[in-house]
All heavy atoms as atom14 arrays in JSON, in Angstrom:
{
  "sequence": "GLNRIAELVDLLVDRDIGAVFVESSVSDRNIRALIEGAAAKGHDVVIG",
  "atom14_mask": [
    [1, 1, 1, 1, 0, 0, 0, 0, 0, 0, 0, 0, 0, 0],
    [1, 1, 1, 1, 1, 1, 1, 1, 0, 0, 0, 0, 0, 0],
    [1, 1, 1, 1, 1, 1, 1, 1, 0, 0, 0, 0, 0, 0],
    [1, 1, 1, 1, 1, 1, 1, 1, 1, 1, 1, 0, 0, 0],
    [1, 1, 1, 1, 1, 1, 1, 1, 0, 0, 0, 0, 0, 0],
    [1, 1, 1, 1, 1, 0, 0, 0, 0, 0, 0, 0, 0, 0],
    [1, 1, 1, 1, 1, 1, 1, 1, 1, 0, 0, 0, 0, 0],
    [1, 1, 1, 1, 1, 1, 1, 1, 0, 0, 0, 0, 0, 0],
    [1, 1, 1, 1, 1, 1, 1, 0, 0, 0, 0, 0, 0, 0],
    [1, 1, 1, 1, 1, 1, 1, 1, 0, 0, 0, 0, 0, 0],
    [1, 1, 1, 1, 1, 1, 1, 1, 0, 0, 0, 0, 0, 0],
    [1, 1, 1, 1, 1, 1, 1, 1, 0, 0, 0, 0, 0, 0],
    [1, 1, 1, 1, 1, 1, 1, 0, 0, 0, 0, 0, 0, 0],
    [1, 1, 1, 1, 1, 1, 1, 1, 0, 0, 0, 0, 0, 0],
    [1, 1, 1, 1, 1, 1, 1, 1, 1, 1, 1, 0, 0, 0],
    [1, 1, 1, 1, 1, 1, 1, 1, 0, 0, 0, 0, 0, 0],
    [1, 1, 1, 1, 1, 1, 1, 1, 0, 0, 0, 0, 0, 0],
    [1, 1, 1, 1, 0, 0, 0, 0, 0, 0, 0, 0, 0, 0],
    [1, 1, 1, 1, 1, 0, 0, 0, 0, 0, 0, 0, 0, 0],
    [1, 1, 1, 1, 1, 1, 1, 0, 0, 0, 0, 0, 0, 0],
    [1, 1, 1, 1, 1, 1, 1, 1, 1, 1, 1, 0, 0, 0],
    [1, 1, 1, 1, 1, 1, 1, 0, 0, 0, 0, 0, 0, 0],
    [1, 1, 1, 1, 1, 1, 1, 1, 1, 0, 0, 0, 0, 0],
    [1, 1, 1, 1, 1, 1, 0, 0, 0, 0, 0, 0, 0, 0],
    [1, 1, 1, 1, 1, 1, 0, 0, 0, 0, 0, 0, 0, 0],
    [1, 1, 1, 1, 1, 1, 1, 0, 0, 0, 0, 0, 0, 0],
    [1, 1, 1, 1, 1, 1, 0, 0, 0, 0, 0, 0, 0, 0],
    [1, 1, 1, 1, 1, 1, 1, 1, 0, 0, 0, 0, 0, 0],
    [1, 1, 1, 1, 1, 1, 1, 1, 1, 1, 1, 0, 0, 0],
    [1, 1, 1, 1, 1, 1, 1, 1, 0, 0, 0, 0, 0, 0],
    [1, 1, 1, 1, 1, 1, 1, 1, 0, 0, 0, 0, 0, 0],
    [1, 1, 1, 1, 1, 1, 1, 1, 1, 1, 1, 0, 0, 0],
    [1, 1, 1, 1, 1, 0, 0, 0, 0, 0, 0, 0, 0, 0],
    [1, 1, 1, 1, 1, 1, 1, 1, 0, 0, 0, 0, 0, 0],
    [1, 1, 1, 1, 1, 1, 1, 1, 0, 0, 0, 0, 0, 0],
    [1, 1, 1, 1, 1, 1, 1, 1, 1, 0, 0, 0, 0, 0],
    [1, 1, 1, 1, 0, 0, 0, 0, 0, 0, 0, 0, 0, 0],
    [1, 1, 1, 1, 1, 0, 0, 0, 0, 0, 0, 0, 0, 0],
    [1, 1, 1, 1, 1, 0, 0, 0, 0, 0, 0, 0, 0, 0],
    [1, 1, 1, 1, 1, 0, 0, 0, 0, 0, 0, 0, 0, 0],
    [1, 1, 1, 1, 1, 1, 1, 1, 1, 0, 0, 0, 0, 0],
    [1, 1, 1, 1, 0, 0, 0, 0, 0, 0, 0, 0, 0, 0],
    [1, 1, 1, 1, 1, 1, 1, 1, 1, 1, 0, 0, 0, 0],
    [1, 1, 1, 1, 1, 1, 1, 1, 0, 0, 0, 0, 0, 0],
    [1, 1, 1, 1, 1, 1, 1, 0, 0, 0, 0, 0, 0, 0],
    [1, 1, 1, 1, 1, 1, 1, 0, 0, 0, 0, 0, 0, 0],
    [1, 1, 1, 1, 1, 1, 1, 1, 0, 0, 0, 0, 0, 0],
    [1, 1, 1, 1, 0, 0, 0, 0, 0, 0, 0, 0, 0, 0]
  ],
  "atom14_positions": [
    [[94.93, 96.58, 97.74], [95.6, 95.61, 98.59], [95.68, 96.06, 100.03], [95.39, 97.22, 100.37], [0.0, 0.0, 0.0], [0.0, 0.0, 0.0], [0.0, 0.0, 0.0], [0.0, 0.0, 0.0], [0.0, 0.0, 0.0], [0.0, 0.0, 0.0], [0.0, 0.0, 0.0], [0.0, 0.0, 0.0], [0.0, 0.0, 0.0], [0.0, 0.0, 0.0]],
    [[96.09, 95.14, 100.88], [96.22, 95.45, 102.3], [97.24, 96.55, 102.55], [97.07, 97.37, 103.45], [96.6, 94.18, 103.07], [95.53, 93.09, 103.12], [96.08, 91.86, 103.84], [94.26, 93.59, 103.81], [0.0, 0.0, 0.0], [0.0, 0.0, 0.0], [0.0, 0.0, 0.0], [0.0, 0.0, 0.0], [0.0, 0.0, 0.0], [0.0, 0.0, 0.0]],
    [[98.29, 96.57, 101.75], [99.32, 97.61, 101.91], [98.75, 98.99, 101.63], [99.1, 99.96, 102.32], [100.51, 97.34, 100.99], [101.34, 96.16, 101.45], [101.27, 95.75, 102.6], [102.13, 95.6, 100.54], [0.0, 0.0, 0.0], [0.0, 0.0, 0.0], [0.0, 0.0, 0.0], [0.0, 0.0, 0.0], [0.0, 0.0, 0.0], [0.0, 0.0, 0.0]],
    [[97.87, 99.08, 100.62], [97.25, 100.35, 100.29], [96.35, 100.82, 101.43], [96.36, 102.0, 101.8], [96.44, 100.22, 98.99], [95.67, 101.47, 98.57], [96.58, 102.64, 98.3], [95.85, 103.76, 97.71], [96.33, 104.99, 97.62], [97.55, 105.26, 98.08], [95.62, 105.94, 97.06], [0.0, 0.0, 0.0], [0.0, 0.0, 0.0], [0.0, 0.0, 0.0]],
    [[95.58, 99.91, 101.99], [94.71, 100.25, 103.12], [95.54, 100.75, 104.3], [95.24, 101.79, 104.9], [93.87, 99.03, 103.55], [92.93, 98.57, 102.41], [93.08, 99.36, 104.82], [91.82, 99.51, 102.11], [0.0, 0.0, 0.0], [0.0, 0.0, 0.0], [0.0, 0.0, 0.0], [0.0, 0.0, 0.0], [0.0, 0.0, 0.0], [0.0, 0.0, 0.0]],
    [[96.62, 100.02, 104.62], [97.47, 100.41, 105.76], [98.12, 101.76, 105.52], [98.21, 102.59, 106.44], [98.55, 99.34, 105.98], [0.0, 0.0, 0.0], [0.0, 0.0, 0.0], [0.0, 0.0, 0.0], [0.0, 0.0, 0.0], [0.0, 0.0, 0.0], [0.0, 0.0, 0.0], [0.0, 0.0, 0.0], [0.0, 0.0, 0.0], [0.0, 0.0, 0.0]],
    [[98.53, 102.0, 104.28], [99.16, 103.29, 103.93], [98.19, 104.44, 104.14], [98.55, 105.5, 104.68], [99.6, 103.21, 102.47], [100.12, 104.49, 101.86], [100.37, 104.34, 100.37], [101.11, 103.42, 99.98], [99.8, 105.13, 99.59], [0.0, 0.0, 0.0], [0.0, 0.0, 0.0], [0.0, 0.0, 0.0], [0.0, 0.0, 0.0], [0.0, 0.0, 0.0]],
    [[96.92, 104.26, 103.73], [95.94, 105.32, 103.87], [95.49, 105.49, 105.32], [95.17, 106.61, 105.74], [94.73, 105.03, 102.97], [95.01, 105.19, 101.47], [93.81, 104.73, 100.65], [95.37, 106.63, 101.12], [0.0, 0.0, 0.0], [0.0, 0.0, 0.0], [0.0, 0.0, 0.0], [0.0, 0.0, 0.0], [0.0, 0.0, 0.0], [0.0, 0.0, 0.0]],
    [[95.47, 104.43, 106.1], [95.17, 104.56, 107.53], [96.22, 105.44, 108.19], [95.9, 106.36, 108.96], [95.13, 103.17, 108.21], [95.18, 103.33, 109.74], [93.87, 102.42, 107.8], [0.0, 0.0, 0.0], [0.0, 0.0, 0.0], [0.0, 0.0, 0.0], [0.0, 0.0, 0.0], [0.0, 0.0, 0.0], [0.0, 0.0, 0.0], [0.0, 0.0, 0.0]],
    [[97.49, 105.2, 107.87], [98.57, 106.03, 108.44], [98.41, 107.49, 108.02], [98.65, 108.41, 108.81], [99.93, 105.5, 107.99], [100.29, 104.18, 108.66], [99.7, 103.87, 109.71], [101.16, 103.47, 108.12], [0.0, 0.0, 0.0], [0.0, 0.0, 0.0], [0.0, 0.0, 0.0], [0.0, 0.0, 0.0], [0.0, 0.0, 0.0], [0.0, 0.0, 0.0]],
    [[98.0, 107.7, 106.78], [97.81, 109.07, 106.28], [96.68, 109.76, 107.05], [96.81, 110.94, 107.44], [97.5, 109.03, 104.79], [97.33, 110.38, 104.09], [97.9, 110.31, 102.67], [95.86, 110.8, 104.0], [0.0, 0.0, 0.0], [0.0, 0.0, 0.0], [0.0, 0.0, 0.0], [0.0, 0.0, 0.0], [0.0, 0.0, 0.0], [0.0, 0.0, 0.0]],
    [[95.57, 109.06, 107.26], [94.45, 109.64, 108.01], [94.9, 110.07, 109.41], [94.55, 111.15, 109.88], [93.31, 108.63, 108.12], [92.54, 108.29, 106.85], [91.58, 107.13, 107.11], [91.77, 109.5, 106.35], [0.0, 0.0, 0.0], [0.0, 0.0, 0.0], [0.0, 0.0, 0.0], [0.0, 0.0, 0.0], [0.0, 0.0, 0.0], [0.0, 0.0, 0.0]],
    [[95.68, 109.21, 110.06], [96.13, 109.49, 111.42], [97.15, 110.62, 111.43], [97.03, 111.59, 112.21], [96.72, 108.22, 112.06], [97.33, 108.54, 113.43], [95.66, 107.13, 112.18], [0.0, 0.0, 0.0], [0.0, 0.0, 0.0], [0.0, 0.0, 0.0], [0.0, 0.0, 0.0], [0.0, 0.0, 0.0], [0.0, 0.0, 0.0], [0.0, 0.0, 0.0]],
    [[98.17, 110.52, 110.58], [99.26, 111.49, 110.58], [98.79, 112.9, 110.23], [99.31, 113.89, 110.76], [100.36, 111.05, 109.61], [101.06, 109.78, 110.05], [100.92, 109.41, 111.23], [101.74, 109.15, 109.21], [0.0, 0.0, 0.0], [0.0, 0.0, 0.0], [0.0, 0.0, 0.0], [0.0, 0.0, 0.0], [0.0, 0.0, 0.0], [0.0, 0.0, 0.0]],
    [[97.82, 113.0, 109.32], [97.37, 114.31, 108.86], [96.08, 114.75, 109.53], [95.5, 115.78, 109.17], [97.23, 114.3, 107.33], [98.58, 114.07, 106.65], [98.49, 114.09, 105.14], [97.97, 115.35, 104.65], [97.85, 115.65, 103.34], [98.23, 114.77, 102.44], [97.36, 116.8, 102.97], [0.0, 0.0, 0.0], [0.0, 0.0, 0.0], [0.0, 0.0, 0.0]],
    [[95.6, 113.96, 110.49], [94.41, 114.3, 111.26], [93.2, 114.58, 110.36], [92.47, 115.55, 110.53], [94.69, 115.53, 112.15], [93.63, 115.7, 113.23], [93.03, 114.69, 113.64], [93.39, 116.85, 113.64], [0.0, 0.0, 0.0], [0.0, 0.0, 0.0], [0.0, 0.0, 0.0], [0.0, 0.0, 0.0], [0.0, 0.0, 0.0], [0.0, 0.0, 0.0]],
    [[93.01, 113.69, 109.37], [91.86, 113.78, 108.48], [90.67, 113.11, 109.14], [90.74, 111.95, 109.54], [92.18, 113.12, 107.11], [93.32, 113.89, 106.42], [90.94, 113.09, 106.23], [93.86, 113.2, 105.18], [0.0, 0.0, 0.0], [0.0, 0.0, 0.0], [0.0, 0.0, 0.0], [0.0, 0.0, 0.0], [0.0, 0.0, 0.0], [0.0, 0.0, 0.0]],
    [[89.57, 113.84, 109.26], [88.46, 113.34, 110.04], [87.27, 112.85, 109.26], [86.3, 112.36, 109.84], [0.0, 0.0, 0.0], [0.0, 0.0, 0.0], [0.0, 0.0, 0.0], [0.0, 0.0, 0.0], [0.0, 0.0, 0.0], [0.0, 0.0, 0.0], [0.0, 0.0, 0.0], [0.0, 0.0, 0.0], [0.0, 0.0, 0.0], [0.0, 0.0, 0.0]],
    [[87.29, 112.96, 107.91], [86.13, 112.55, 107.12], [86.58, 111.91, 105.82], [87.51, 112.39, 105.16], [85.22, 113.74, 106.83], [0.0, 0.0, 0.0], [0.0, 0.0, 0.0], [0.0, 0.0, 0.0], [0.0, 0.0, 0.0], [0.0, 0.0, 0.0], [0.0, 0.0, 0.0], [0.0, 0.0, 0.0], [0.0, 0.0, 0.0], [0.0, 0.0, 0.0]],
    [[85.91, 110.82, 105.47], [86.12, 110.16, 104.17], [84.74, 109.99, 103.54], [83.71, 110.19, 104.18], [86.82, 108.8, 104.34], [88.24, 108.98, 104.85], [86.03, 107.89, 105.27], [0.0, 0.0, 0.0], [0.0, 0.0, 0.0], [0.0, 0.0, 0.0], [0.0, 0.0, 0.0], [0.0, 0.0, 0.0], [0.0, 0.0, 0.0], [0.0, 0.0, 0.0]],
    [[84.7, 109.61, 102.26], [83.43, 109.6, 101.54], [83.21, 108.27, 100.83], [84.13, 107.7, 100.26], [83.41, 110.74, 100.52], [83.51, 112.11, 101.14], [84.76, 112.66, 101.44], [82.37, 112.84, 101.45], [84.87, 113.92, 102.03], [82.47, 114.1, 102.04], [83.72, 114.63, 102.33], [0.0, 0.0, 0.0], [0.0, 0.0, 0.0], [0.0, 0.0, 0.0]],
    [[81.96, 107.8, 100.89], [81.58, 106.62, 100.13], [80.98, 107.07, 98.8], [80.67, 108.25, 98.61], [80.58, 105.74, 100.92], [81.22, 105.2, 102.18], [79.31, 106.52, 101.25], [0.0, 0.0, 0.0], [0.0, 0.0, 0.0], [0.0, 0.0, 0.0], [0.0, 0.0, 0.0], [0.0, 0.0, 0.0], [0.0, 0.0, 0.0], [0.0, 0.0, 0.0]],
    [[80.82, 106.12, 97.88], [80.28, 106.42, 96.55], [79.07, 105.55, 96.28], [79.01, 104.39, 96.69], [81.34, 106.17, 95.48], [82.6, 107.0, 95.65], [83.68, 106.62, 94.65], [83.34, 106.25, 93.51], [84.87, 106.68, 95.02], [0.0, 0.0, 0.0], [0.0, 0.0, 0.0], [0.0, 0.0, 0.0], [0.0, 0.0, 0.0], [0.0, 0.0, 0.0]],
    [[78.11, 106.11, 95.57], [76.85, 105.42, 95.34], [77.0, 104.19, 94.45], [76.19, 103.27, 94.51], [75.82, 106.37, 94.72], [76.24, 106.79, 93.42], [0.0, 0.0, 0.0], [0.0, 0.0, 0.0], [0.0, 0.0, 0.0], [0.0, 0.0, 0.0], [0.0, 0.0, 0.0], [0.0, 0.0, 0.0], [0.0, 0.0, 0.0], [0.0, 0.0, 0.0]],
    [[78.04, 104.16, 93.6], [78.19, 103.07, 92.65], [79.35, 102.13, 92.98], [79.71, 101.28, 92.17], [78.38, 103.63, 91.23], [79.5, 104.51, 91.18], [0.0, 0.0, 0.0], [0.0, 0.0, 0.0], [0.0, 0.0, 0.0], [0.0, 0.0, 0.0], [0.0, 0.0, 0.0], [0.0, 0.0, 0.0], [0.0, 0.0, 0.0], [0.0, 0.0, 0.0]],
    [[79.94, 102.3, 94.18], [81.09, 101.48, 94.57], [80.85, 100.97, 96.0], [80.36, 101.69, 96.86], [82.41, 102.3, 94.53], [83.6, 101.41, 94.89], [82.6, 102.93, 93.16], [0.0, 0.0, 0.0], [0.0, 0.0, 0.0], [0.0, 0.0, 0.0], [0.0, 0.0, 0.0], [0.0, 0.0, 0.0], [0.0, 0.0, 0.0], [0.0, 0.0, 0.0]],
    [[81.21, 99.72, 96.25], [81.07, 99.14, 97.59], [81.8, 99.98, 98.63], [82.88, 100.53, 98.36], [81.63, 97.71, 97.6], [81.73, 97.22, 98.92], [0.0, 0.0, 0.0], [0.0, 0.0, 0.0], [0.0, 0.0, 0.0], [0.0, 0.0, 0.0], [0.0, 0.0, 0.0], [0.0, 0.0, 0.0], [0.0, 0.0, 0.0], [0.0, 0.0, 0.0]],
    [[81.2, 100.08, 99.82], [81.83, 100.87, 100.89], [82.77, 100.02, 101.76], [83.26, 100.48, 102.78], [80.77, 101.53, 101.76], [79.91, 100.53, 102.54], [80.11, 99.31, 102.35], [79.05, 100.97, 103.31], [0.0, 0.0, 0.0], [0.0, 0.0, 0.0], [0.0, 0.0, 0.0], [0.0, 0.0, 0.0], [0.0, 0.0, 0.0], [0.0, 0.0, 0.0]],
    [[83.03, 98.78, 101.35], [83.83, 97.85, 102.16], [85.2, 98.43, 102.5], [85.64, 98.41, 103.65], [84.0, 96.53, 101.41], [84.8, 95.48, 102.17], [84.94, 94.19, 101.36], [85.75, 94.4, 100.16], [85.26, 94.44, 98.92], [83.97, 94.31, 98.72], [86.06, 94.63, 97.88], [0.0, 0.0, 0.0], [0.0, 0.0, 0.0], [0.0, 0.0, 0.0]],
    [[85.9, 98.96, 101.5], [87.25, 99.48, 101.74], [87.25, 100.74, 102.6], [88.14, 100.94, 103.42], [87.95, 99.76, 100.4], [88.31, 98.48, 99.66], [88.62, 97.46, 100.27], [88.28, 98.53, 98.34], [0.0, 0.0, 0.0], [0.0, 0.0, 0.0], [0.0, 0.0, 0.0], [0.0, 0.0, 0.0], [0.0, 0.0, 0.0], [0.0, 0.0, 0.0]],
    [[86.25, 101.58, 102.4], [86.14, 102.8, 103.21], [85.93, 102.42, 104.68], [86.56, 103.01, 105.59], [84.97, 103.68, 102.71], [85.34, 104.36, 101.39], [84.6, 104.73, 103.76], [86.41, 105.44, 101.49], [0.0, 0.0, 0.0], [0.0, 0.0, 0.0], [0.0, 0.0, 0.0], [0.0, 0.0, 0.0], [0.0, 0.0, 0.0], [0.0, 0.0, 0.0]],
    [[85.09, 101.44, 104.94], [84.85, 101.04, 106.32], [86.09, 100.37, 106.92], [86.35, 100.5, 108.13], [83.63, 100.12, 106.38], [82.36, 100.86, 106.0], [81.09, 100.15, 106.37], [79.94, 100.95, 105.97], [79.44, 101.97, 106.64], [80.01, 102.34, 107.78], [78.4, 102.63, 106.19], [0.0, 0.0, 0.0], [0.0, 0.0, 0.0], [0.0, 0.0, 0.0]],
    [[86.89, 99.7, 106.1], [88.15, 99.14, 106.59], [89.09, 100.25, 107.02], [89.81, 100.13, 108.03], [88.8, 98.28, 105.51], [0.0, 0.0, 0.0], [0.0, 0.0, 0.0], [0.0, 0.0, 0.0], [0.0, 0.0, 0.0], [0.0, 0.0, 0.0], [0.0, 0.0, 0.0], [0.0, 0.0, 0.0], [0.0, 0.0, 0.0], [0.0, 0.0, 0.0]],
    [[89.1, 101.36, 106.28], [89.92, 102.52, 106.66], [89.49, 103.09, 108.0], [90.32, 103.39, 108.87], [89.79, 103.63, 105.6], [90.6, 103.54, 104.32], [90.37, 104.8, 103.51], [92.08, 103.37, 104.62], [0.0, 0.0, 0.0], [0.0, 0.0, 0.0], [0.0, 0.0, 0.0], [0.0, 0.0, 0.0], [0.0, 0.0, 0.0], [0.0, 0.0, 0.0]],
    [[88.18, 103.26, 108.16], [87.66, 103.83, 109.41], [88.02, 102.94, 110.6], [88.45, 103.42, 111.66], [86.14, 104.02, 109.3], [85.82, 105.1, 108.26], [85.53, 104.4, 110.66], [84.34, 105.24, 107.94], [0.0, 0.0, 0.0], [0.0, 0.0, 0.0], [0.0, 0.0, 0.0], [0.0, 0.0, 0.0], [0.0, 0.0, 0.0], [0.0, 0.0, 0.0]],
    [[87.86, 101.62, 110.43], [88.19, 100.69, 111.5], [89.69, 100.7, 111.81], [90.1, 100.63, 112.97], [87.73, 99.28, 111.11], [86.22, 99.14, 111.06], [85.78, 97.83, 110.43], [86.67, 97.0, 110.11], [84.56, 97.63, 110.26], [0.0, 0.0, 0.0], [0.0, 0.0, 0.0], [0.0, 0.0, 0.0], [0.0, 0.0, 0.0], [0.0, 0.0, 0.0]],
    [[90.51, 100.8, 110.74], [91.95, 100.84, 110.94], [92.39, 102.08, 111.69], [93.26, 102.01, 112.57], [0.0, 0.0, 0.0], [0.0, 0.0, 0.0], [0.0, 0.0, 0.0], [0.0, 0.0, 0.0], [0.0, 0.0, 0.0], [0.0, 0.0, 0.0], [0.0, 0.0, 0.0], [0.0, 0.0, 0.0], [0.0, 0.0, 0.0], [0.0, 0.0, 0.0]],
    [[91.77, 103.21, 111.35], [92.11, 104.45, 112.05], [91.65, 104.39, 113.51], [92.36, 104.85, 114.42], [91.46, 105.64, 111.34], [0.0, 0.0, 0.0], [0.0, 0.0, 0.0], [0.0, 0.0, 0.0], [0.0, 0.0, 0.0], [0.0, 0.0, 0.0], [0.0, 0.0, 0.0], [0.0, 0.0, 0.0], [0.0, 0.0, 0.0], [0.0, 0.0, 0.0]],
    [[90.47, 103.82, 113.74], [89.96, 103.69, 115.11], [90.88, 102.84, 115.97], [91.07, 103.13, 117.16], [88.56, 103.1, 115.08], [0.0, 0.0, 0.0], [0.0, 0.0, 0.0], [0.0, 0.0, 0.0], [0.0, 0.0, 0.0], [0.0, 0.0, 0.0], [0.0, 0.0, 0.0], [0.0, 0.0, 0.0], [0.0, 0.0, 0.0], [0.0, 0.0, 0.0]],
    [[91.47, 101.81, 115.35], [92.39, 100.94, 116.09], [93.63, 101.7, 116.53], [94.32, 101.29, 117.47], [92.78, 99.74, 115.23], [0.0, 0.0, 0.0], [0.0, 0.0, 0.0], [0.0, 0.0, 0.0], [0.0, 0.0, 0.0], [0.0, 0.0, 0.0], [0.0, 0.0, 0.0], [0.0, 0.0, 0.0], [0.0, 0.0, 0.0], [0.0, 0.0, 0.0]],
    [[93.92, 102.81, 115.87], [95.07, 103.64, 116.23], [94.65, 104.87, 117.02], [95.42, 105.81, 117.19], [95.82, 104.07, 114.97], [96.48, 102.89, 114.24], [97.47, 103.36, 113.2], [98.25, 102.2, 112.63], [99.38, 102.63, 111.79], [0.0, 0.0, 0.0], [0.0, 0.0, 0.0], [0.0, 0.0, 0.0], [0.0, 0.0, 0.0], [0.0, 0.0, 0.0]],
    [[93.4, 104.87, 117.49], [92.92, 105.96, 118.33], [92.5, 107.21, 117.6], [92.36, 108.27, 118.21], [0.0, 0.0, 0.0], [0.0, 0.0, 0.0], [0.0, 0.0, 0.0], [0.0, 0.0, 0.0], [0.0, 0.0, 0.0], [0.0, 0.0, 0.0], [0.0, 0.0, 0.0], [0.0, 0.0, 0.0], [0.0, 0.0, 0.0], [0.0, 0.0, 0.0]],
    [[92.24, 107.1, 116.28], [91.84, 108.27, 115.49], [90.44, 108.07, 114.94], [90.17, 107.1, 114.25], [92.83, 108.49, 114.34], [92.49, 109.67, 113.47], [92.44, 110.96, 113.95], [92.18, 109.75, 112.15], [92.13, 111.79, 112.97], [91.96, 111.08, 111.87], [0.0, 0.0, 0.0], [0.0, 0.0, 0.0], [0.0, 0.0, 0.0], [0.0, 0.0, 0.0]],
    [[89.54, 108.99, 115.26], [88.15, 108.89, 114.81], [87.98, 109.49, 113.42], [88.37, 110.64, 113.17], [87.22, 109.61, 115.78], [87.13, 108.9, 117.12], [87.3, 107.65, 117.14], [86.89, 109.58, 118.15], [0.0, 0.0, 0.0], [0.0, 0.0, 0.0], [0.0, 0.0, 0.0], [0.0, 0.0, 0.0], [0.0, 0.0, 0.0], [0.0, 0.0, 0.0]],
    [[87.39, 108.71, 112.55], [87.08, 109.17, 111.19], [85.61, 108.87, 110.92], [85.12, 107.78, 111.26], [87.95, 108.44, 110.14], [87.57, 108.89, 108.73], [89.43, 108.72, 110.38], [0.0, 0.0, 0.0], [0.0, 0.0, 0.0], [0.0, 0.0, 0.0], [0.0, 0.0, 0.0], [0.0, 0.0, 0.0], [0.0, 0.0, 0.0], [0.0, 0.0, 0.0]],
    [[84.9, 109.81, 110.34], [83.49, 109.62, 110.02], [83.3, 109.59, 108.51], [84.17, 110.04, 107.75], [82.61, 110.74, 110.63], [82.75, 110.77, 112.14], [82.96, 112.1, 110.01], [0.0, 0.0, 0.0], [0.0, 0.0, 0.0], [0.0, 0.0, 0.0], [0.0, 0.0, 0.0], [0.0, 0.0, 0.0], [0.0, 0.0, 0.0], [0.0, 0.0, 0.0]],
    [[82.18, 109.05, 108.09], [81.8, 109.12, 106.67], [81.16, 110.49, 106.44], [80.12, 110.81, 107.03], [80.83, 107.99, 106.3], [81.56, 106.64, 106.38], [80.28, 108.21, 104.89], [80.68, 105.45, 106.07], [0.0, 0.0, 0.0], [0.0, 0.0, 0.0], [0.0, 0.0, 0.0], [0.0, 0.0, 0.0], [0.0, 0.0, 0.0], [0.0, 0.0, 0.0]],
    [[81.8, 111.28, 105.6], [81.33, 112.64, 105.36], [80.07, 112.7, 104.54], [79.38, 113.71, 104.51], [0.0, 0.0, 0.0], [0.0, 0.0, 0.0], [0.0, 0.0, 0.0], [0.0, 0.0, 0.0], [0.0, 0.0, 0.0], [0.0, 0.0, 0.0], [0.0, 0.0, 0.0], [0.0, 0.0, 0.0], [0.0, 0.0, 0.0], [0.0, 0.0, 0.0]]
  ]
}
């Protein structure tokens, strides 16, 4: 849900996590939403 995405965006920013990972058998849609959400808060995250 949107709440879960927002919660993880805050976690990425607060803990200065710079890399997340996609999976070969799962859509990367949610991962890219995280990256975009973090970027909107001024925190750069890359796909590891």
